[in-house]
Amino acid sequence: MTPRSPLGAVRTGTRPSLAGRAAREPVGVGVVGLSASGGWGATAHLPAMSAAGGFELRGLVAGSPASSRAAGDRYGAPAYPTVVDLAAADDIDLVVLTVKTPRHRELVLPAADTGKPIFCEWPFAVSHPEAVEMSGRAAGLDTFVGLHGRSSPQFRLLADLVGDGYVGRVLSATVLSRVSEWGSPVSEDTEYLLDREQGATMISIGLGHAIDPVLSVLGELSDVVATAATHHRQVPVAPTGRLAPMTGDDQIAISGTLAGGAVLSAHQRGGTASRPGFSLVIDGTEGTLEASAGNHPHIAPLTIRGGRRGRPLESMALPEGYDAFPELKGTAIHSLAHAYAGIRQRLGAGTSVVPDFSAAVVRHRLLDAISQSARTGLRIAL
């Protein structure tokens, strides 16, 4: 099978690209939230950019003047006082935001006003209305959001298999995602993940990263009904053992209708005593596809099995052309490197190959509808 889109994306039209604006090569990147002491920006984004190729770190903003100086010394890039100063620099072509979710709005809005392309990590916003505001401010710009599970070679293969009729007409899909977080101890730095109002709870991170690539395979839901619960109402904070309240849910079960009437059910479990994991079963009139991973599906390798017309399920190897970075297989940045390759393609050729801010709005709409349904008991039309 030949991948329809080697970097996994649905084209949504073209706009003037960096190449068309006589941009520099490589793409000059400014990262907000890059720390000398580590973090997702340093341990994931920088290595993923390096693997994808064609990117160069040319500036950064950290949490304080002292930390900015330390990060600048560590990574050999100029430190800027604000996101506006960074984005306005002539040699910055892409602004990457790798800070905590509650700070995204205060950074996206001024960055968008500079007219520079923006990559914002997921969760994109605290709520759907906030996502709408941020996306609207960046209208007309090249934007990208960190739902990089869609860029996974395996999810792109699943999308092509379903699109090519491997299972026939889809009848149902079942998703199970288990995570140890939202019940296991947190650090002082990650305690905010327990607070529903901070927008970075299990529904947005755990379920968001699990359901988004599934819906990139199957299409969006037309309605959803949900049940949620919080069993871990207090969570230890390391290293002191102090108990912090958790107001977010640690159990979320949903059911909804896909295009054509197929039924999707999903259960996101938090604080699991067993090992984390992910599974997806797609049943159709002609066959079945199963996918599984040992952790969050956007950072853990996915195994696919398939069977048609009553035959036993068999492992399915990834055909040639899907994986641009086989040397990264099994690492947490495998999908992210494919996303950065897609960003580079977008900025150079003007085609959309990774989810943008409008895709983030769609996903936040679903997550807010799930919370609304769990709260009211109503089925919510999407």
Protein backbone atom coordinates (compact mmCIF):
# COMPACT_ATOMS: atom_id res chain seq x y z
CA MET A 1 0.00 0.00 0.00
CA THR A 2 1.24 3.46 -0.88
CA PRO A 3 0.42 6.15 1.67
CA ARG A 4 -1.97 8.73 0.29
CA SER A 5 -0.20 11.45 2.22
CA PRO A 6 3.30 10.48 3.38
CA LEU A 7 3.09 12.85 6.32
CA GLY A 8 -0.44 11.93 7.17
CA ALA A 9 -2.53 14.89 6.55
CA VAL A 10 -5.69 16.07 4.96
CA ARG A 11 -5.05 19.00 2.69
CA THR A 12 -7.15 22.00 3.54
CA GLY A 13 -6.06 24.38 0.83
CA THR A 14 -3.01 26.49 0.22
CA ARG A 15 -1.83 29.87 1.35
CA PRO A 16 1.37 31.77 0.65
CA SER A 17 4.28 29.75 2.06
CA LEU A 18 7.58 30.77 3.55
CA ALA A 19 9.18 29.64 0.34
CA GLY A 20 6.96 32.03 -1.57
CA ARG A 21 8.04 34.85 0.73
CA ALA A 22 11.73 34.23 0.06
CA ALA A 23 12.16 32.80 3.56
CA ARG A 24 15.41 31.53 4.98
CA GLU A 25 16.52 27.93 4.90
CA PRO A 26 16.43 26.31 7.41
CA VAL A 27 13.30 27.43 9.27
CA GLY A 28 14.27 29.73 12.14
CA VAL A 29 12.54 28.63 15.34
CA GLY A 30 11.86 30.53 18.55
CA VAL A 31 10.73 28.40 21.50
CA VAL A 32 8.76 29.74 24.47
CA GLY A 33 9.15 27.55 27.52
CA LEU A 34 12.61 26.16 26.76
CA SER A 35 14.41 25.42 30.01
CA ALA A 36 18.04 24.61 30.71
CA SER A 37 16.86 22.04 33.26
CA GLY A 38 14.85 19.98 30.78
CA GLY A 39 11.11 19.74 30.15
CA TRP A 40 9.09 18.75 27.08
CA GLY A 41 10.49 21.54 24.93
CA ALA A 42 14.07 20.44 25.52
CA THR A 43 13.59 16.68 25.62
CA ALA A 44 11.02 16.32 22.82
CA HIS A 45 10.68 19.37 20.57
CA LEU A 46 14.37 20.07 20.02
CA PRO A 47 15.25 16.42 19.23
CA ALA A 48 12.19 16.10 16.97
CA MET A 49 13.19 19.22 15.03
CA SER A 50 16.71 17.88 14.69
CA ALA A 51 15.45 14.53 13.43
CA ALA A 52 13.07 16.14 10.94
CA GLY A 53 15.81 18.42 9.65
CA GLY A 54 15.50 21.89 8.21
CA PHE A 55 15.00 23.69 11.53
CA GLU A 56 17.36 25.92 13.50
CA LEU A 57 16.86 27.25 17.03
CA ARG A 58 17.32 31.02 16.80
CA GLY A 59 15.72 32.31 19.97
CA LEU A 60 13.93 31.43 23.19
CA VAL A 61 11.89 32.74 26.10
CA ALA A 62 12.04 31.08 29.52
CA GLY A 63 10.22 31.68 32.78
CA SER A 64 12.44 34.44 34.18
CA PRO A 65 15.43 36.57 33.09
CA ALA A 66 17.78 34.25 34.97
CA SER A 67 16.31 31.08 33.46
CA SER A 68 16.31 32.70 30.01
CA ARG A 69 20.02 33.46 30.33
CA ALA A 70 20.71 29.90 31.51
CA ALA A 71 18.72 28.41 28.63
CA GLY A 72 20.39 30.73 26.13
CA ASP A 73 23.80 29.60 27.35
CA ARG A 74 22.75 25.96 27.31
CA TYR A 75 21.31 25.94 23.78
CA GLY A 76 23.40 28.65 22.15
CA ALA A 77 20.45 30.84 21.18
CA PRO A 78 19.51 34.43 22.06
CA ALA A 79 17.11 34.88 24.98
CA TYR A 80 14.23 37.33 24.52
CA PRO A 81 12.21 39.00 27.29
CA THR A 82 8.75 38.38 25.79
CA VAL A 83 7.02 36.32 23.13
CA VAL A 84 6.39 39.52 21.14
CA ASP A 85 10.10 40.37 21.06
CA LEU A 86 10.88 36.81 20.01
CA ALA A 87 8.24 36.62 17.29
CA ALA A 88 9.13 40.07 15.92
CA ALA A 89 12.78 39.10 15.35
CA ASP A 90 13.62 39.04 11.65
CA ASP A 91 15.23 35.59 11.74
CA ILE A 92 12.30 33.84 13.51
CA ASP A 93 10.01 32.00 11.09
CA LEU A 94 8.11 29.80 13.56
CA VAL A 95 7.12 30.38 17.19
CA VAL A 96 6.78 27.19 19.27
CA LEU A 97 4.88 27.35 22.58
CA THR A 98 5.74 24.59 25.07
CA VAL A 99 4.41 26.08 28.32
CA LYS A 100 1.58 25.02 30.62
CA THR A 101 -1.93 25.16 29.18
CA PRO A 102 -3.21 28.05 31.35
CA ARG A 103 -0.56 30.33 29.76
CA HIS A 104 -1.35 29.50 26.12
CA ARG A 105 -3.90 32.27 25.60
CA GLU A 106 -1.66 35.03 26.95
CA LEU A 107 1.07 33.94 24.53
CA VAL A 108 -0.90 32.92 21.43
CA LEU A 109 -2.81 36.21 21.15
CA PRO A 110 0.21 38.55 21.03
CA ALA A 111 2.24 36.08 18.97
CA ALA A 112 -0.56 35.93 16.41
CA ASP A 113 -0.57 39.72 16.17
CA THR A 114 3.01 39.59 14.85
CA GLY A 115 1.88 37.51 11.87
CA LYS A 116 4.36 34.69 12.43
CA PRO A 117 3.43 30.99 12.16
CA ILE A 118 2.75 29.37 15.55
CA PHE A 119 2.98 25.82 16.91
CA CYS A 120 1.11 25.52 20.24
CA GLU A 121 1.28 22.40 22.36
CA TRP A 122 -1.81 20.43 23.37
CA PRO A 123 -4.05 21.03 25.27
CA PHE A 124 -4.45 24.11 23.14
CA ALA A 125 -6.77 26.02 25.48
CA VAL A 126 -8.50 25.85 28.84
CA SER A 127 -11.93 25.67 27.17
CA HIS A 128 -13.69 25.64 23.81
CA PRO A 129 -14.57 29.38 23.92
CA GLU A 130 -10.93 30.20 24.64
CA ALA A 131 -9.85 27.97 21.74
CA VAL A 132 -12.27 29.79 19.43
CA GLU A 133 -10.83 33.16 20.48
CA MET A 134 -7.22 32.04 19.97
CA SER A 135 -7.93 30.41 16.63
CA GLY A 136 -9.83 33.47 15.45
CA ARG A 137 -6.94 35.79 16.33
CA ALA A 138 -4.59 33.61 14.26
CA ALA A 139 -6.92 33.34 11.25
CA GLY A 140 -4.98 33.50 8.00
CA LEU A 141 -1.70 32.41 9.61
CA ASP A 142 0.05 29.06 9.38
CA THR A 143 -0.77 27.41 12.69
CA PHE A 144 -0.06 23.99 14.18
CA VAL A 145 -1.22 22.22 17.34
CA GLY A 146 0.43 19.38 19.25
CA LEU A 147 -2.03 16.61 18.40
CA HIS A 148 0.81 14.70 16.81
CA GLY A 149 -0.76 11.28 17.23
CA ARG A 150 -2.34 11.97 13.83
CA SER A 151 1.15 12.10 12.34
CA SER A 152 1.96 8.59 13.60
CA PRO A 153 2.77 6.26 10.69
CA GLN A 154 0.49 3.60 12.18
CA PHE A 155 -2.54 5.88 12.51
CA ARG A 156 -1.99 7.07 8.96
CA LEU A 157 -1.96 3.43 7.83
CA LEU A 158 -5.19 2.78 9.74
CA ALA A 159 -6.80 5.78 8.06
CA ASP A 160 -5.78 4.49 4.62
CA LEU A 161 -6.97 0.94 5.40
CA VAL A 162 -10.38 2.16 6.54
CA GLY A 163 -10.59 4.58 3.63
CA ASP A 164 -9.73 1.83 1.15
CA GLY A 165 -12.48 -0.44 2.50
CA TYR A 166 -10.42 -3.00 4.42
CA VAL A 167 -13.19 -3.44 7.01
CA GLY A 168 -16.01 -2.61 4.60
CA ARG A 169 -18.64 -0.31 6.06
CA VAL A 170 -17.64 0.62 9.60
CA LEU A 171 -20.15 -0.67 12.15
CA SER A 172 -18.48 0.16 15.44
CA ALA A 173 -15.28 1.29 17.11
CA THR A 174 -14.18 0.67 20.69
CA VAL A 175 -11.41 2.60 22.44
CA LEU A 176 -9.84 1.88 25.83
CA SER A 177 -7.12 4.10 27.25
CA ARG A 178 -5.47 3.54 30.64
CA VAL A 179 -3.04 5.93 32.30
CA SER A 180 -1.31 5.92 35.67
CA GLU A 181 -1.62 9.69 36.00
CA TRP A 182 -4.59 11.34 37.74
CA GLY A 183 -4.33 9.09 40.75
CA SER A 184 -0.60 8.51 41.09
CA PRO A 185 1.65 11.04 42.90
CA VAL A 186 2.38 14.39 41.23
CA SER A 187 5.19 16.89 41.71
CA GLU A 188 4.79 20.49 42.81
CA ASP A 189 5.27 21.47 39.16
CA THR A 190 2.53 19.16 37.86
CA GLU A 191 -0.02 19.65 40.64
CA TYR A 192 -1.98 21.96 38.34
CA LEU A 193 -2.97 18.90 36.28
CA LEU A 194 -5.40 17.99 39.07
CA ASP A 195 -7.38 21.22 38.80
CA ARG A 196 -10.32 21.13 36.40
CA GLU A 197 -10.12 24.91 35.88
CA GLN A 198 -6.54 24.72 34.57
CA GLY A 199 -7.57 22.88 31.39
CA ALA A 200 -4.91 20.17 31.57
CA THR A 201 -6.80 17.31 33.18
CA MET A 202 -7.29 13.72 32.08
CA ILE A 203 -10.13 14.59 29.72
CA SER A 204 -7.97 16.99 27.69
CA ILE A 205 -4.61 15.20 27.89
CA GLY A 206 -5.44 11.51 28.32
CA LEU A 207 -8.69 11.31 26.38
CA GLY A 208 -7.76 14.14 24.02
CA HIS A 209 -4.59 12.42 22.84
CA ALA A 210 -6.36 9.04 22.68
CA ILE A 211 -9.49 10.04 20.79
CA ASP A 212 -8.02 12.57 18.35
CA PRO A 213 -6.02 10.12 16.20
CA VAL A 214 -8.93 7.66 16.31
CA LEU A 215 -11.26 10.30 14.88
CA SER A 216 -8.64 11.17 12.26
CA VAL A 217 -9.14 7.58 11.10
CA LEU A 218 -12.93 7.36 11.40
CA GLY A 219 -14.20 10.92 11.07
CA GLU A 220 -15.87 13.14 13.63
CA LEU A 221 -18.75 12.26 15.94
CA SER A 222 -22.15 13.78 15.28
CA ASP A 223 -23.24 13.43 18.92
CA VAL A 224 -21.90 12.22 22.25
CA VAL A 225 -23.15 11.10 25.65
CA ALA A 226 -20.82 10.67 28.61
CA THR A 227 -20.48 9.46 32.18
CA ALA A 228 -17.62 10.66 34.39
CA ALA A 229 -16.44 10.10 37.95
CA THR A 230 -13.64 11.13 40.30
CA HIS A 231 -12.44 8.35 42.59
CA HIS A 232 -9.02 9.80 43.50
CA ARG A 233 -10.23 12.92 45.26
CA GLN A 234 -6.86 13.48 46.88
CA VAL A 235 -3.48 12.81 45.26
CA PRO A 236 -0.06 12.75 46.99
CA VAL A 237 2.42 15.45 46.07
CA ALA A 238 6.03 14.27 45.98
CA PRO A 239 8.34 14.38 47.79
CA THR A 240 6.45 15.51 50.91
CA GLY A 241 3.40 13.30 50.55
CA ARG A 242 1.07 16.26 51.06
CA LEU A 243 -2.41 15.45 49.76
CA ALA A 244 -3.72 17.78 47.04
CA PRO A 245 -7.38 17.87 45.97
CA MET A 246 -8.21 16.62 42.49
CA THR A 247 -11.26 18.22 40.90
CA GLY A 248 -10.80 16.66 37.45
CA ASP A 249 -12.32 13.31 36.49
CA ASP A 250 -10.36 10.05 36.58
CA GLN A 251 -13.00 7.95 34.79
CA ILE A 252 -14.68 9.03 31.54
CA ALA A 253 -16.87 6.80 29.37
CA ILE A 254 -18.42 8.10 26.17
CA SER A 255 -20.60 6.86 23.34
CA GLY A 256 -21.38 8.60 20.08
CA THR A 257 -22.43 8.26 16.47
CA LEU A 258 -20.03 8.39 13.53
CA ALA A 259 -20.88 9.22 9.92
CA GLY A 260 -22.97 6.44 8.39
CA GLY A 261 -24.40 5.47 11.77
CA ALA A 262 -21.43 3.57 13.20
CA VAL A 263 -21.23 3.59 17.01
CA LEU A 264 -18.08 4.62 18.84
CA SER A 265 -17.51 3.91 22.52
CA ALA A 266 -14.47 4.99 24.53
CA HIS A 267 -13.38 4.64 28.13
CA GLN A 268 -10.53 6.70 29.54
CA ARG A 269 -9.25 5.42 32.89
CA GLY A 270 -6.92 7.33 35.20
CA GLY A 271 -4.82 6.27 38.16
CA THR A 272 -4.87 2.68 36.97
CA ALA A 273 -3.18 0.12 39.21
CA SER A 274 -2.28 -1.93 36.15
CA ARG A 275 0.07 -0.90 33.39
CA PRO A 276 -0.99 1.98 31.13
CA GLY A 277 -2.11 1.14 27.63
CA PHE A 278 -4.29 1.89 24.64
CA SER A 279 -6.46 -0.27 22.42
CA LEU A 280 -8.73 0.35 19.44
CA VAL A 281 -11.04 -2.13 17.71
CA ILE A 282 -12.74 -1.20 14.44
CA ASP A 283 -15.41 -3.62 13.24
CA GLY A 284 -16.96 -3.50 9.79
CA THR A 285 -19.04 -5.52 7.39
CA GLU A 286 -15.93 -7.07 5.80
CA GLY A 287 -13.33 -7.22 8.54
CA THR A 288 -11.76 -6.04 11.77
CA LEU A 289 -8.76 -3.90 12.67
CA GLU A 290 -7.16 -3.83 16.10
CA ALA A 291 -4.47 -1.44 17.33
CA SER A 292 -2.71 -1.39 20.69
CA ALA A 293 0.05 0.51 22.46
CA GLY A 294 1.71 0.32 25.86
CA ASN A 295 1.07 3.94 26.76
CA HIS A 296 -0.42 7.16 25.35
CA PRO A 297 -0.79 6.43 21.62
CA HIS A 298 0.91 9.66 20.53
CA ILE A 299 4.17 8.69 22.27
CA ALA A 300 4.15 4.87 22.31
CA PRO A 301 4.56 2.52 19.32
CA LEU A 302 1.30 1.14 17.93
CA THR A 303 0.84 -2.50 16.89
CA ILE A 304 -1.82 -3.27 14.26
CA ARG A 305 -3.63 -6.53 13.54
CA GLY A 306 -6.26 -7.17 10.92
CA GLY A 307 -8.50 -9.87 9.54
CA ARG A 308 -11.16 -10.05 6.82
CA ARG A 309 -14.17 -12.24 6.13
CA GLY A 310 -13.86 -14.48 9.18
CA ARG A 311 -10.10 -15.05 8.97
CA PRO A 312 -7.99 -14.83 12.17
CA LEU A 313 -6.43 -11.49 12.96
CA GLU A 314 -2.81 -11.25 11.89
CA SER A 315 -0.09 -8.68 12.59
CA MET A 316 0.21 -6.05 9.88
CA ALA A 317 3.61 -4.63 9.05
CA LEU A 318 3.97 -0.99 8.14
CA PRO A 319 4.31 -0.72 4.35
CA GLU A 320 7.19 1.19 2.85
CA GLY A 321 6.70 4.93 2.63
CA TYR A 322 4.83 5.52 5.89
CA ASP A 323 7.74 5.88 8.32
CA ALA A 324 10.20 8.64 7.47
CA PHE A 325 12.12 8.09 10.71
CA PRO A 326 12.36 4.34 11.42
CA GLU A 327 15.39 4.94 13.63
CA LEU A 328 13.06 6.71 16.09
CA LYS A 329 10.59 3.84 16.37
CA GLY A 330 9.83 3.14 20.03
CA THR A 331 10.86 6.61 21.17
CA ALA A 332 8.53 9.28 22.55
CA ILE A 333 9.36 11.67 19.69
CA HIS A 334 8.58 9.36 16.75
CA SER A 335 5.22 10.94 15.95
CA LEU A 336 6.43 14.43 16.86
CA ALA A 337 9.29 14.15 14.36
CA HIS A 338 6.74 13.29 11.65
CA ALA A 339 4.69 16.31 12.74
CA TYR A 340 7.72 18.57 12.37
CA ALA A 341 8.39 17.12 8.94
CA GLY A 342 4.81 18.06 8.11
CA ILE A 343 5.32 21.57 9.46
CA ARG A 344 8.42 21.97 7.34
CA GLN A 345 6.42 20.81 4.31
CA ARG A 346 3.64 23.26 5.12
CA LEU A 347 5.95 26.22 5.51
CA GLY A 348 7.84 25.33 2.36
CA ALA A 349 5.10 24.13 0.02
CA GLY A 350 1.96 25.73 1.43
CA THR A 351 -0.01 22.49 1.99
CA SER A 352 -1.58 21.61 5.33
CA VAL A 353 -0.18 18.35 6.67
CA VAL A 354 -0.65 18.61 10.45
CA PRO A 355 -3.62 19.74 12.55
CA ASP A 356 -3.96 23.49 12.92
CA PHE A 357 -5.75 25.76 15.38
CA SER A 358 -9.10 25.12 13.71
CA ALA A 359 -8.63 21.39 14.36
CA ALA A 360 -7.93 22.23 17.98
CA VAL A 361 -11.23 24.10 18.15
CA VAL A 362 -13.07 21.02 16.86
CA ARG A 363 -11.40 18.82 19.46
CA HIS A 364 -12.10 21.25 22.30
CA ARG A 365 -15.73 21.38 21.18
CA LEU A 366 -15.94 17.61 21.62
CA LEU A 367 -14.22 17.66 25.02
CA ASP A 368 -16.49 20.44 26.29
CA ALA A 369 -19.52 18.49 25.01
CA ILE A 370 -18.31 15.41 26.89
CA SER A 371 -18.04 17.44 30.10
CA GLN A 372 -21.47 18.97 29.49
CA SER A 373 -23.04 15.55 28.91
CA ALA A 374 -21.42 14.07 32.00
CA ARG A 375 -22.71 16.98 34.05
CA THR A 376 -26.27 17.04 32.68
CA GLY A 377 -26.89 13.47 31.55
CA LEU A 378 -27.91 14.70 28.11
CA ARG A 379 -26.76 13.53 24.68
CA ILE A 380 -25.05 16.52 23.04
CA ALA A 381 -25.29 17.17 19.30
CA LEU A 382 -22.05 18.18 17.66
